[in-house]
Amino acid sequence: MSALFKKEEVLHIKADKKDWEEFYREKMAAAPQRKEAFSTVSGKPIQALYTPDDIQNFDYGTSLGFPGRFPYTRGVQASMYRGRLWTMRMFAGLGTAEETNARFHHLVKYGQTGLSTAFDMPTLMGYDTDSDRARGECGKCGVAIDTLKDMEILFDGLPIDRLTTSMTINPPAPVLWAMYIAMAEKRGVPREKLGGTIQNDMLKEFIAQKTFMCPPEPSLRLIVDTIEFGSKAVPRWNTVSISGYHIREAGSTAVQELAFTLANGIAYVEAAVKRGLDVDAFAPRLSFFFNSHIDFFEEIAKFRAARRMWAHIMRHRFKAKKERSWWLRFHTQTAGCSLTAQQPFNNVVRTAVEALAAVLGGTQSLHTNAFDEVLAIPTEEAATIALRTQQILAEETGIVNAIDPLGGSYYIETLTEEMEQAAWEYIEKIDDMGGMLKAIEKNYPQMEIADAAYRFQQDFDAKKKIMVGVNKYTIEEDIPVDIYHADDALEERQIARTNRVKNDRDQKRVQACLNRLAQACVDGENVMPYLIDAASAYATLQEMCDVFRNVFGVYTDPGTF
């Protein structure tokens, strides 16, 4: 290991920098700087200038290296975007399966290269549309899926053997995945040809997003079931997308997003290894999901630090032997919490900057938010603009020509190093608590995020942090925007379809499948084969999720402040 810069050269630069700082202060005294202090959106102080002095102990081989080689700071693929562009995976889900299917076909027609499914709130919580808990919510924030019939309609006419499909679903993730597998097999597409991702990350639900079904321990058991089943039967599927996105949307800093996401990943790997799985049998299919927020350089540094940290975690902590087990492959979504209802067309610019950060950070897959989704489900026009944003970045800007073009920047490398060290400190604290499950029980990550969100709100109220059009450059009049309106009658149509499915199916077969599923839960068997059987028999989402609730119990958030 050797430093990138010679000691005498660094000392010379340090002396020159001190001289420059005197010059800088003189100039600032004559024309004061714009604000008292400069910091990232997360509140990290930023100095005026970065030089080799800030990374004087930086070792190229161990800290940076080359793309496609450990520790993957510069990317997990040797060729990165010179070989293949990132997957343009636009999130879509609205109303009924028919409407979302039409949106999928529209996006594929205009160049989308992967499908990503948003579900409505009842589906996210494991309830059918006709449940008393679901009334009034059908199709409002995504597509309603009650039975295999809905899944068949949702992907009708789409080449699921060639397109990968992502499903943003957590408590009922094994159920929705079972429906997808059953749908594919009914179409003659074998399991081994299916590629895609289920988010399936319950730990971040307890921390941040708060869609619940069962308590943490059985939730973790179900996730390990999917990891085990996928590694053996659906080898191209990512069975967990370890998600920092919602942690950041809840108000965390960039460091907290990085640390808590990787700590969740550690918990999943530990649980799978405890089950008896070989780490190299499942680790290559673990994927991650990060937020690309508005602070351009902070986000790029976060992505680079994440790759380096996960490589060390998998290689040294878990003794993984396969190189692909060391890779941190991630999907990115631009920051929903950065979008504003005020002057909504400003969101086009925000999204473009955030997408640029994700690409320069080396993402494998990207969703760009539509400018109007702070107001409603995006219209086709807004979704097309969001997709075009990615295509312009890919085809017109030249940013894909060089691999990791910001690598070696004094500022970027300093930010990356500092973010990594701060994230390791969080992970060590969580380890000392006994792991992420114990930390969640103590409300540690929840309170850290709440404190960070409160500090940001204080800075926003004091105008130390600016959101254009909200606390600066405001205007009085509303800017008219055409938004999507869900049909109020779709709920009754969805209920009618679910009832027809229930009336037409073999009730004895359904009940037998549900009974076997319940017994598998009790006996500790892997639930996936039983879920696929139940889905194929047209058992409903809620019927299968109710089995979990009955066997494992229902989780209620403690609501600690």
Protein backbone atom coordinates (compact mmCIF):
# COMPACT_ATOMS: atom_id res chain seq x y z
CA MET A 1 0.00 0.00 0.00
CA SER A 2 1.41 3.39 -0.97
CA ALA A 3 0.07 6.93 -1.01
CA LEU A 4 -0.86 8.41 -4.38
CA PHE A 5 1.11 11.61 -3.70
CA LYS A 6 4.68 12.00 -2.49
CA LYS A 7 4.97 13.41 1.02
CA GLU A 8 7.14 16.38 0.02
CA GLU A 9 4.73 17.30 -2.77
CA VAL A 10 1.79 17.23 -0.35
CA LEU A 11 3.69 19.44 2.12
CA HIS A 12 4.40 21.90 -0.68
CA ILE A 13 0.73 21.92 -1.76
CA LYS A 14 -0.36 22.31 1.87
CA ALA A 15 1.85 25.37 2.24
CA ASP A 16 0.58 26.83 -1.01
CA LYS A 17 -3.01 26.17 0.09
CA LYS A 18 -2.42 28.02 3.36
CA ASP A 19 -1.11 30.97 1.37
CA TRP A 20 -4.15 30.78 -0.95
CA GLU A 21 -6.52 30.72 2.04
CA GLU A 22 -5.12 34.07 3.19
CA PHE A 23 -5.74 35.40 -0.32
CA TYR A 24 -9.27 33.92 -0.25
CA ARG A 25 -10.10 35.54 3.10
CA GLU A 26 -8.95 38.91 1.84
CA LYS A 27 -11.21 38.63 -1.20
CA MET A 28 -14.15 37.49 0.94
CA ALA A 29 -13.65 40.40 3.30
CA ALA A 30 -13.99 42.75 0.36
CA ALA A 31 -16.98 40.88 -1.09
CA PRO A 32 -18.55 38.60 1.55
CA GLN A 33 -19.60 35.11 0.49
CA ARG A 34 -23.27 34.34 -0.11
CA LYS A 35 -23.88 32.59 3.19
CA GLU A 36 -22.21 31.92 6.51
CA ALA A 37 -21.58 28.24 5.94
CA PHE A 38 -21.77 25.81 3.03
CA SER A 39 -23.02 22.26 3.52
CA THR A 40 -24.60 19.38 1.64
CA VAL A 41 -28.35 18.81 1.72
CA SER A 42 -27.62 16.33 4.53
CA GLY A 43 -25.87 19.05 6.53
CA LYS A 44 -22.26 17.99 6.01
CA PRO A 45 -19.93 21.03 6.00
CA ILE A 46 -18.15 21.67 2.71
CA GLN A 47 -14.86 23.53 2.57
CA ALA A 48 -14.08 26.04 -0.16
CA LEU A 49 -11.38 24.07 -1.97
CA TYR A 50 -10.10 20.50 -2.08
CA THR A 51 -6.51 19.55 -2.94
CA PRO A 52 -4.21 16.49 -2.69
CA ASP A 53 -3.73 17.49 0.96
CA ASP A 54 -7.29 16.26 1.65
CA ILE A 55 -6.53 12.79 0.29
CA GLN A 56 -2.80 12.66 1.08
CA ASN A 57 -3.01 9.04 2.33
CA PHE A 58 -5.23 7.95 -0.55
CA ASP A 59 -4.07 4.66 -2.06
CA TYR A 60 -5.13 4.17 -5.67
CA GLY A 61 -5.14 0.38 -5.58
CA THR A 62 -7.09 -0.18 -2.38
CA SER A 63 -9.41 2.85 -2.45
CA LEU A 64 -10.06 3.39 -6.15
CA GLY A 65 -8.72 0.66 -8.41
CA PHE A 66 -10.26 -0.13 -11.78
CA PRO A 67 -13.82 -0.70 -12.99
CA GLY A 68 -14.91 -4.32 -12.67
CA ARG A 69 -12.23 -5.03 -10.06
CA PHE A 70 -12.30 -5.10 -6.27
CA PRO A 71 -13.31 -2.90 -4.45
CA TYR A 72 -15.50 -1.68 -7.37
CA THR A 73 -15.42 1.98 -6.38
CA ARG A 74 -15.42 2.80 -10.09
CA GLY A 75 -18.15 0.32 -11.06
CA VAL A 76 -18.92 -3.39 -11.00
CA GLN A 77 -18.59 -3.85 -14.77
CA ALA A 78 -15.29 -3.38 -16.56
CA SER A 79 -16.92 -1.64 -19.53
CA MET A 80 -19.73 0.11 -17.64
CA TYR A 81 -21.88 2.16 -20.06
CA ARG A 82 -19.44 1.77 -22.96
CA GLY A 83 -20.60 -1.85 -23.06
CA ARG A 84 -24.25 -1.47 -22.09
CA LEU A 85 -26.41 1.41 -20.92
CA TRP A 86 -28.26 1.23 -17.62
CA THR A 87 -31.76 -0.27 -17.70
CA MET A 88 -34.37 2.46 -18.09
CA ARG A 89 -36.97 1.09 -15.73
CA MET A 90 -39.86 3.51 -15.35
CA PHE A 91 -42.20 2.92 -12.41
CA ALA A 92 -45.84 2.51 -13.49
CA GLY A 93 -49.07 1.50 -11.86
CA LEU A 94 -52.48 3.07 -12.09
CA GLY A 95 -56.06 2.01 -11.52
CA THR A 96 -56.77 -1.40 -12.94
CA ALA A 97 -54.54 -4.00 -14.51
CA GLU A 98 -55.85 -3.00 -17.97
CA GLU A 99 -54.78 0.64 -17.54
CA THR A 100 -51.33 -0.27 -16.23
CA ASN A 101 -50.87 -2.80 -19.03
CA ALA A 102 -51.59 -0.02 -21.54
CA ARG A 103 -49.02 2.24 -19.79
CA PHE A 104 -46.43 -0.57 -19.91
CA HIS A 105 -46.99 -1.01 -23.65
CA HIS A 106 -46.68 2.78 -24.12
CA LEU A 107 -43.37 2.94 -22.24
CA VAL A 108 -41.91 -0.09 -24.04
CA LYS A 109 -42.93 1.44 -27.36
CA TYR A 110 -41.04 4.62 -26.49
CA GLY A 111 -37.83 2.87 -25.47
CA GLN A 112 -38.17 1.63 -21.89
CA THR A 113 -35.99 -1.43 -21.35
CA GLY A 114 -37.45 -2.85 -18.12
CA LEU A 115 -40.82 -2.93 -16.36
CA SER A 116 -41.42 -1.61 -12.84
CA THR A 117 -44.75 -2.08 -11.09
CA ALA A 118 -46.39 0.21 -8.54
CA PHE A 119 -49.24 -1.30 -6.51
CA ASP A 120 -52.12 0.41 -4.76
CA MET A 121 -52.22 0.67 -0.98
CA PRO A 122 -54.52 -2.32 -0.31
CA THR A 123 -52.23 -4.54 -2.39
CA LEU A 124 -49.16 -3.18 -0.60
CA MET A 125 -50.76 -4.11 2.73
CA GLY A 126 -51.99 -7.55 1.65
CA TYR A 127 -55.74 -6.81 1.36
CA ASP A 128 -58.20 -7.45 -1.46
CA THR A 129 -60.12 -4.56 -2.96
CA ASP A 130 -63.37 -5.69 -1.33
CA SER A 131 -61.91 -5.61 2.19
CA ASP A 132 -63.38 -3.08 4.59
CA ARG A 133 -59.82 -1.86 5.13
CA ALA A 134 -59.38 -1.18 1.41
CA ARG A 135 -62.45 0.82 0.48
CA GLY A 136 -61.75 4.07 -1.32
CA GLU A 137 -58.10 3.21 -2.05
CA CYS A 138 -58.40 1.05 -5.17
CA GLY A 139 -55.94 2.15 -7.84
CA LYS A 140 -55.14 5.47 -6.18
CA CYS A 141 -51.35 5.06 -5.89
CA GLY A 142 -50.79 2.07 -8.16
CA VAL A 143 -52.46 -0.97 -9.67
CA ALA A 144 -54.85 -3.24 -7.76
CA ILE A 145 -53.91 -6.94 -7.80
CA ASP A 146 -56.33 -9.31 -6.06
CA THR A 147 -55.87 -12.58 -7.96
CA LEU A 148 -53.87 -14.33 -10.64
CA LYS A 149 -56.42 -13.02 -13.14
CA ASP A 150 -55.25 -9.45 -12.50
CA MET A 151 -51.63 -10.53 -12.95
CA GLU A 152 -52.50 -12.17 -16.27
CA ILE A 153 -54.11 -8.96 -17.53
CA LEU A 154 -51.29 -6.78 -16.18
CA PHE A 155 -48.63 -8.47 -18.32
CA ASP A 156 -50.76 -9.45 -21.30
CA GLY A 157 -48.87 -9.13 -24.58
CA LEU A 158 -45.56 -8.21 -22.92
CA PRO A 159 -42.44 -10.35 -23.58
CA ILE A 160 -41.76 -11.38 -19.99
CA ASP A 161 -39.16 -13.90 -21.17
CA ARG A 162 -37.09 -10.95 -22.50
CA LEU A 163 -38.07 -7.96 -20.35
CA THR A 164 -37.14 -7.95 -16.68
CA THR A 165 -39.88 -6.98 -14.25
CA SER A 166 -39.51 -5.17 -10.95
CA MET A 167 -42.28 -5.19 -8.35
CA THR A 168 -42.21 -2.64 -5.54
CA ILE A 169 -43.92 -4.78 -2.93
CA ASN A 170 -42.89 -5.69 0.61
CA PRO A 171 -45.16 -7.47 3.14
CA PRO A 172 -46.96 -9.52 0.43
CA ALA A 173 -43.88 -9.84 -1.78
CA PRO A 174 -43.79 -13.69 -1.72
CA VAL A 175 -47.47 -13.74 -2.71
CA LEU A 176 -47.09 -11.34 -5.66
CA TRP A 177 -43.99 -13.20 -6.82
CA ALA A 178 -45.90 -16.49 -6.65
CA MET A 179 -48.66 -14.94 -8.81
CA TYR A 180 -46.05 -13.75 -11.33
CA ILE A 181 -44.45 -17.20 -11.54
CA ALA A 182 -47.87 -18.86 -11.90
CA MET A 183 -48.82 -16.37 -14.64
CA ALA A 184 -45.58 -17.03 -16.53
CA GLU A 185 -45.94 -20.81 -16.33
CA LYS A 186 -49.51 -20.56 -17.56
CA ARG A 187 -48.08 -18.74 -20.60
CA GLY A 188 -45.45 -21.43 -21.09
CA VAL A 189 -42.50 -19.39 -19.80
CA PRO A 190 -40.37 -21.54 -17.46
CA ARG A 191 -39.14 -20.22 -14.14
CA GLU A 192 -35.49 -20.26 -15.16
CA LYS A 193 -36.18 -17.73 -17.94
CA LEU A 194 -37.81 -15.19 -15.64
CA GLY A 195 -35.73 -12.15 -14.73
CA GLY A 196 -36.65 -9.35 -12.39
CA THR A 197 -36.81 -8.12 -8.82
CA ILE A 198 -39.17 -8.10 -5.87
CA GLN A 199 -38.33 -5.38 -3.37
CA ASN A 200 -39.17 -7.69 -0.45
CA ASP A 201 -37.25 -5.54 2.08
CA MET A 202 -39.24 -5.59 5.31
CA LEU A 203 -36.52 -4.22 7.58
CA LYS A 204 -36.67 -0.81 5.91
CA GLU A 205 -40.47 -0.94 6.26
CA PHE A 206 -40.11 -1.14 10.03
CA ILE A 207 -37.55 1.67 9.84
CA ALA A 208 -39.09 4.02 7.31
CA GLN A 209 -41.94 3.29 4.89
CA LYS A 210 -44.29 1.63 7.39
CA THR A 211 -46.31 -0.87 5.37
CA PHE A 212 -46.68 -3.78 7.75
CA MET A 213 -48.15 -7.25 7.98
CA CYS A 214 -46.28 -9.63 10.30
CA PRO A 215 -43.75 -8.91 13.09
CA PRO A 216 -40.03 -8.57 12.22
CA GLU A 217 -38.83 -12.13 12.91
CA PRO A 218 -41.40 -14.03 10.80
CA SER A 219 -41.09 -11.31 8.14
CA LEU A 220 -37.37 -12.06 7.96
CA ARG A 221 -38.14 -15.80 7.78
CA LEU A 222 -40.38 -15.24 4.72
CA ILE A 223 -37.66 -13.21 3.02
CA VAL A 224 -35.16 -16.03 3.54
CA ASP A 225 -37.73 -18.41 2.03
CA THR A 226 -37.73 -16.33 -1.15
CA ILE A 227 -33.92 -16.14 -1.20
CA GLU A 228 -33.67 -19.92 -0.83
CA PHE A 229 -36.33 -20.67 -3.43
CA GLY A 230 -34.99 -18.16 -5.93
CA SER A 231 -31.41 -19.41 -5.73
CA LYS A 232 -32.62 -22.93 -6.57
CA ALA A 233 -35.61 -22.45 -8.89
CA VAL A 234 -35.58 -18.91 -10.36
CA PRO A 235 -31.85 -18.18 -10.79
CA ARG A 236 -32.23 -14.94 -12.78
CA TRP A 237 -34.46 -13.29 -10.17
CA ASN A 238 -33.33 -10.76 -7.55
CA THR A 239 -35.34 -11.88 -4.53
CA VAL A 240 -34.48 -8.89 -2.33
CA SER A 241 -33.92 -5.29 -3.35
CA ILE A 242 -32.31 -3.86 -0.23
CA SER A 243 -33.77 -0.41 -0.24
CA GLY A 244 -32.33 2.84 1.00
CA TYR A 245 -34.78 4.81 -1.11
CA HIS A 246 -37.56 4.92 1.45
CA ILE A 247 -35.11 5.52 4.29
CA ARG A 248 -34.05 8.70 2.49
CA GLU A 249 -37.63 9.66 1.67
CA ALA A 250 -38.40 9.42 5.40
CA GLY A 251 -35.86 12.18 6.05
CA SER A 252 -32.51 10.48 6.59
CA THR A 253 -29.17 11.93 5.64
CA ALA A 254 -27.16 10.39 2.81
CA VAL A 255 -24.86 8.68 5.34
CA GLN A 256 -27.84 7.22 7.23
CA GLU A 257 -29.33 5.94 3.98
CA LEU A 258 -26.02 4.28 3.13
CA ALA A 259 -25.39 2.82 6.59
CA PHE A 260 -28.88 1.55 7.38
CA THR A 261 -29.28 0.02 3.92
CA LEU A 262 -26.03 -1.92 4.18
CA ALA A 263 -26.87 -2.93 7.77
CA ASN A 264 -30.17 -4.34 6.49
CA GLY A 265 -28.24 -6.21 3.81
CA ILE A 266 -25.97 -7.68 6.48
CA ALA A 267 -29.03 -8.88 8.40
CA TYR A 268 -30.46 -10.64 5.34
CA VAL A 269 -27.17 -12.36 4.53
CA GLU A 270 -26.75 -13.46 8.15
CA ALA A 271 -30.27 -14.90 8.23
CA ALA A 272 -29.76 -16.79 4.95
CA VAL A 273 -26.42 -18.20 6.09
CA LYS A 274 -28.02 -19.23 9.39
CA ARG A 275 -30.64 -21.12 7.32
CA GLY A 276 -27.73 -23.13 5.93
CA LEU A 277 -27.43 -21.49 2.52
CA ASP A 278 -24.03 -21.10 0.89
CA VAL A 279 -23.40 -17.37 0.65
CA ASP A 280 -22.14 -17.70 -2.92
CA ALA A 281 -25.36 -19.46 -3.91
CA PHE A 282 -27.52 -16.40 -3.27
CA ALA A 283 -25.35 -13.31 -2.83
CA PRO A 284 -24.90 -12.66 -6.58
CA ARG A 285 -28.69 -12.10 -6.87
CA LEU A 286 -28.96 -9.58 -4.03
CA SER A 287 -29.65 -6.11 -5.36
CA PHE A 288 -29.96 -2.64 -3.87
CA PHE A 289 -32.20 0.36 -4.40
CA PHE A 290 -30.98 3.88 -3.66
CA ASN A 291 -32.37 7.39 -3.71
CA SER A 292 -30.66 9.96 -5.90
CA HIS A 293 -31.29 13.21 -4.07
CA ILE A 294 -30.66 16.77 -5.18
CA ASP A 295 -27.14 17.28 -3.76
CA PHE A 296 -25.20 16.24 -6.85
CA PHE A 297 -21.73 15.39 -5.50
CA GLU A 298 -22.94 13.94 -2.21
CA GLU A 299 -25.05 11.40 -4.09
CA ILE A 300 -22.22 10.37 -6.41
CA ALA A 301 -19.95 9.85 -3.40
CA LYS A 302 -22.67 7.79 -1.67
CA PHE A 303 -22.98 5.39 -4.60
CA ARG A 304 -19.21 4.93 -4.86
CA ALA A 305 -18.83 4.36 -1.11
CA ALA A 306 -21.69 1.83 -1.14
CA ARG A 307 -19.96 -0.35 -3.74
CA ARG A 308 -16.67 -0.28 -1.89
CA MET A 309 -18.22 -1.04 1.49
CA TRP A 310 -20.38 -3.93 0.26
CA ALA A 311 -17.39 -5.49 -1.49
CA HIS A 312 -15.47 -5.51 1.80
CA ILE A 313 -18.51 -6.77 3.76
CA MET A 314 -19.08 -9.71 1.44
CA ARG A 315 -15.42 -10.62 0.90
CA HIS A 316 -14.16 -10.24 4.46
CA ARG A 317 -17.15 -10.46 6.80
CA PHE A 318 -19.01 -13.24 4.99
CA LYS A 319 -16.00 -14.88 3.26
CA ALA A 320 -17.77 -15.00 -0.11
CA LYS A 321 -15.56 -16.53 -2.78
CA LYS A 322 -17.33 -15.58 -6.01
CA GLU A 323 -16.51 -12.18 -7.43
CA ARG A 324 -20.16 -11.54 -8.28
CA SER A 325 -21.00 -12.02 -4.60
CA TRP A 326 -18.91 -8.93 -3.89
CA TRP A 327 -20.78 -6.74 -6.35
CA LEU A 328 -23.26 -4.14 -5.20
CA ARG A 329 -25.68 -3.83 -8.11
CA PHE A 330 -28.29 -1.15 -7.62
CA HIS A 331 -31.38 0.48 -9.05
CA THR A 332 -31.86 4.19 -8.50
CA GLN A 333 -34.91 6.41 -8.35
CA THR A 334 -34.72 10.18 -8.33
CA ALA A 335 -35.91 11.73 -5.08
CA GLY A 336 -39.67 11.95 -4.70
CA CYS A 337 -39.23 14.11 -1.59
CA SER A 338 -37.38 16.73 -3.64
CA LEU A 339 -40.40 17.29 -5.90
CA THR A 340 -42.62 20.25 -5.16
CA ALA A 341 -46.29 20.92 -5.80
CA GLN A 342 -45.40 24.59 -6.14
CA GLN A 343 -44.10 25.45 -9.63
CA PRO A 344 -44.17 21.75 -10.60
CA PHE A 345 -42.32 22.21 -13.90
CA ASN A 346 -39.21 22.93 -11.81
CA ASN A 347 -39.30 19.21 -11.05
CA VAL A 348 -38.13 18.42 -14.60
CA VAL A 349 -34.83 20.15 -13.80
CA ARG A 350 -34.50 18.52 -10.39
CA THR A 351 -35.07 15.08 -11.89
CA ALA A 352 -32.50 15.66 -14.64
CA VAL A 353 -29.81 16.64 -12.11
CA GLU A 354 -30.61 13.68 -9.87
CA ALA A 355 -30.56 11.29 -12.82
CA LEU A 356 -27.18 12.67 -13.88
CA ALA A 357 -25.83 11.97 -10.38
CA ALA A 358 -27.13 8.39 -10.53
CA VAL A 359 -25.44 7.78 -13.88
CA LEU A 360 -22.14 9.34 -12.82
CA GLY A 361 -22.43 7.22 -9.67
CA GLY A 362 -22.64 4.06 -11.78
CA THR A 363 -26.22 2.84 -11.39
CA GLN A 364 -27.36 -0.34 -13.17
CA SER A 365 -30.99 0.73 -13.48
CA LEU A 366 -32.84 4.05 -13.21
CA HIS A 367 -36.32 5.44 -12.73
CA THR A 368 -36.78 9.16 -13.33
CA ASN A 369 -39.72 10.75 -11.53
CA ALA A 370 -42.35 12.57 -13.55
CA PHE A 371 -42.79 16.24 -12.75
CA ASP A 372 -46.47 15.79 -11.84
CA GLU A 373 -46.30 12.79 -9.52
CA VAL A 374 -46.16 15.00 -6.45
CA LEU A 375 -49.75 15.83 -7.46
CA ALA A 376 -51.08 12.52 -8.80
CA ILE A 377 -50.20 9.38 -10.73
CA PRO A 378 -48.16 10.63 -13.72
CA THR A 379 -49.85 11.29 -17.02
CA GLU A 380 -48.49 9.64 -20.17
CA GLU A 381 -46.99 12.97 -21.25
CA ALA A 382 -45.17 13.46 -17.94
CA ALA A 383 -43.96 9.84 -17.89
CA THR A 384 -42.63 10.23 -21.45
CA ILE A 385 -40.70 13.40 -20.49
CA ALA A 386 -39.17 11.50 -17.56
CA LEU A 387 -38.10 8.67 -19.86
CA ARG A 388 -36.77 11.12 -22.45
CA THR A 389 -34.62 12.67 -19.68
CA GLN A 390 -32.75 9.38 -19.37
CA GLN A 391 -32.47 8.94 -23.12
CA ILE A 392 -31.03 12.44 -23.57
CA LEU A 393 -28.46 11.75 -20.86
CA ALA A 394 -27.54 8.47 -22.54
CA GLU A 395 -27.50 9.56 -26.18
CA GLU A 396 -26.64 13.27 -26.30
CA THR A 397 -24.52 14.43 -23.37
CA GLY A 398 -21.35 12.34 -23.69
CA ILE A 399 -21.38 11.36 -20.01
CA VAL A 400 -21.31 7.66 -20.91
CA ASN A 401 -18.14 7.88 -22.97
CA ALA A 402 -15.63 7.65 -20.10
CA ILE A 403 -15.95 5.25 -17.17
CA ASP A 404 -16.21 6.99 -13.77
CA PRO A 405 -15.17 10.39 -15.17
CA LEU A 406 -15.14 11.96 -11.68
CA GLY A 407 -12.77 9.35 -10.23
CA GLY A 408 -9.68 11.01 -8.76
CA SER A 409 -11.43 14.31 -8.08
CA TYR A 410 -10.08 15.65 -4.80
CA TYR A 411 -13.59 16.65 -3.76
CA ILE A 412 -15.31 13.41 -4.82
CA GLU A 413 -12.67 11.16 -3.28
CA THR A 414 -12.74 13.13 -0.02
CA LEU A 415 -16.53 12.96 0.15
CA THR A 416 -16.45 9.24 -0.63
CA GLU A 417 -13.90 8.52 2.10
CA GLU A 418 -15.72 10.63 4.70
CA MET A 419 -19.10 9.12 3.87
CA GLU A 420 -17.70 5.60 4.11
CA GLN A 421 -16.11 6.24 7.51
CA ALA A 422 -19.31 7.78 8.90
CA ALA A 423 -21.35 4.83 7.60
CA TRP A 424 -18.96 2.30 9.19
CA GLU A 425 -19.49 4.04 12.53
CA TYR A 426 -23.25 3.52 12.24
CA ILE A 427 -22.80 -0.14 11.27
CA GLU A 428 -20.50 -0.72 14.26
CA LYS A 429 -23.13 0.77 16.58
CA ILE A 430 -25.79 -1.51 15.10
CA ASP A 431 -23.50 -4.53 15.44
CA ASP A 432 -22.93 -3.63 19.09
CA MET A 433 -26.71 -3.65 19.60
CA GLY A 434 -26.91 -7.19 18.27
CA GLY A 435 -27.78 -6.43 14.65
CA MET A 436 -30.49 -4.58 12.79
CA LEU A 437 -33.44 -6.51 14.25
CA LYS A 438 -32.35 -5.53 17.77
CA ALA A 439 -31.66 -1.97 16.64
CA ILE A 440 -35.17 -1.72 15.21
CA GLU A 441 -36.65 -3.02 18.47
CA LYS A 442 -34.76 -0.23 20.27
CA ASN A 443 -36.05 2.29 17.68
CA TYR A 444 -32.49 3.35 16.98
CA PRO A 445 -32.60 3.89 13.20
CA GLN A 446 -36.12 5.30 13.42
CA MET A 447 -35.05 8.00 15.88
CA GLU A 448 -31.87 8.82 13.99
CA ILE A 449 -33.93 9.44 10.85
CA ALA A 450 -36.51 11.48 12.77
CA ASP A 451 -33.78 13.68 14.22
CA ALA A 452 -32.22 14.21 10.78
CA ALA A 453 -35.60 15.15 9.28
CA TYR A 454 -36.20 17.62 12.12
CA ARG A 455 -32.80 19.26 11.59
CA PHE A 456 -33.49 19.63 7.87
CA GLN A 457 -36.89 21.19 8.58
CA GLN A 458 -35.25 23.69 10.92
CA ASP A 459 -32.72 24.61 8.21
CA PHE A 460 -35.53 24.87 5.65
CA ASP A 461 -37.60 27.13 7.91
CA ALA A 462 -34.54 29.32 8.54
CA LYS A 463 -33.83 29.37 4.77
CA LYS A 464 -30.45 27.78 5.28
CA LYS A 465 -31.69 25.13 2.86
CA ILE A 466 -33.55 26.38 -0.21
CA MET A 467 -36.29 24.79 -2.29
CA VAL A 468 -36.92 27.01 -5.28
CA GLY A 469 -40.54 28.05 -5.52
CA VAL A 470 -41.27 26.99 -1.93
CA ASN A 471 -39.19 29.09 0.45
CA LYS A 472 -37.51 31.28 -2.19
CA TYR A 473 -38.52 32.65 -5.61
CA THR A 474 -42.17 32.06 -4.82
CA ILE A 475 -45.07 33.26 -6.92
CA GLU A 476 -48.66 33.91 -5.96
CA GLU A 477 -50.61 32.31 -8.79
CA ASP A 478 -51.05 28.57 -9.34
CA ILE A 479 -49.43 27.02 -12.42
CA PRO A 480 -52.03 24.88 -14.21
CA VAL A 481 -51.05 21.24 -14.73
CA ASP A 482 -53.18 18.52 -16.30
CA ILE A 483 -53.12 15.58 -13.92
CA TYR A 484 -54.35 12.01 -14.00
CA HIS A 485 -57.71 11.39 -12.31
CA ALA A 486 -58.62 7.86 -11.25
CA ASP A 487 -62.07 6.70 -12.27
CA ASP A 488 -64.23 6.47 -9.13
CA ALA A 489 -66.08 3.51 -10.66
CA LEU A 490 -62.97 1.34 -11.03
CA GLU A 491 -63.25 0.04 -7.46
CA GLU A 492 -66.63 -1.55 -8.13
CA ARG A 493 -65.35 -2.99 -11.42
CA GLN A 494 -62.34 -4.46 -9.63
CA ILE A 495 -64.53 -5.97 -6.90
CA ALA A 496 -66.86 -7.43 -9.53
CA ARG A 497 -63.92 -9.10 -11.31
CA THR A 498 -62.58 -10.55 -8.06
CA ASN A 499 -66.01 -11.91 -7.21
CA ARG A 500 -66.28 -13.57 -10.64
CA VAL A 501 -62.93 -15.25 -10.06
CA LYS A 502 -64.07 -16.50 -6.67
CA ASN A 503 -67.30 -17.85 -8.11
CA ASP A 504 -65.60 -19.63 -11.01
CA ARG A 505 -62.69 -21.27 -9.18
CA ASP A 506 -62.54 -24.69 -7.52
CA GLN A 507 -63.26 -23.78 -3.89
CA LYS A 508 -62.13 -27.12 -2.47
CA ARG A 509 -58.81 -26.84 -4.28
CA VAL A 510 -58.31 -23.29 -2.99
CA GLN A 511 -59.02 -24.28 0.59
CA ALA A 512 -56.74 -27.29 0.37
CA CYS A 513 -53.93 -25.05 -0.94
CA LEU A 514 -54.44 -22.55 1.88
CA ASN A 515 -54.44 -25.33 4.47
CA ARG A 516 -51.16 -26.68 3.13
CA LEU A 517 -49.70 -23.16 3.16
CA ALA A 518 -50.68 -22.72 6.81
CA GLN A 519 -49.09 -26.04 7.74
CA ALA A 520 -45.89 -25.09 5.91
CA CYS A 521 -45.76 -21.86 7.96
CA VAL A 522 -46.16 -23.84 11.18
CA ASP A 523 -43.66 -26.56 10.21
CA GLY A 524 -40.99 -24.14 9.01
CA GLU A 525 -41.10 -25.34 5.41
CA ASN A 526 -40.32 -22.98 2.54
CA VAL A 527 -43.65 -21.32 1.68
CA MET A 528 -42.97 -20.53 -1.98
CA PRO A 529 -44.13 -23.83 -3.57
CA TYR A 530 -47.35 -23.63 -1.53
CA LEU A 531 -47.93 -20.00 -2.52
CA ILE A 532 -47.49 -20.83 -6.21
CA ASP A 533 -50.01 -23.66 -5.88
CA ALA A 534 -52.50 -21.35 -4.13
CA ALA A 535 -51.99 -18.57 -6.69
CA SER A 536 -52.49 -21.05 -9.54
CA ALA A 537 -55.78 -22.08 -7.92
CA TYR A 538 -56.80 -18.39 -7.94
CA ALA A 539 -56.64 -17.88 -4.19
CA THR A 540 -56.75 -14.15 -3.54
CA LEU A 541 -53.95 -11.98 -2.25
CA GLN A 542 -55.71 -11.44 1.07
CA GLU A 543 -56.55 -15.11 1.53
CA MET A 544 -52.86 -15.98 1.31
CA CYS A 545 -51.76 -13.02 3.43
CA ASP A 546 -54.40 -13.85 6.05
CA VAL A 547 -52.70 -17.23 6.46
CA PHE A 548 -49.51 -15.37 7.41
CA ARG A 549 -51.40 -13.04 9.73
CA ASN A 550 -53.15 -15.96 11.44
CA VAL A 551 -49.98 -17.99 11.94
CA PHE A 552 -47.41 -15.28 12.63
CA GLY A 553 -49.50 -12.47 14.10
CA VAL A 554 -49.91 -8.84 13.07
CA TYR A 555 -47.35 -6.10 13.66
CA THR A 556 -48.38 -2.71 15.06
CA ASP A 557 -45.94 0.19 14.93
CA PRO A 558 -44.99 1.30 18.46
CA GLY A 559 -45.08 4.96 17.38
CA THR A 560 -42.04 6.04 19.39
CA PHE A 561 -41.07 9.72 19.27
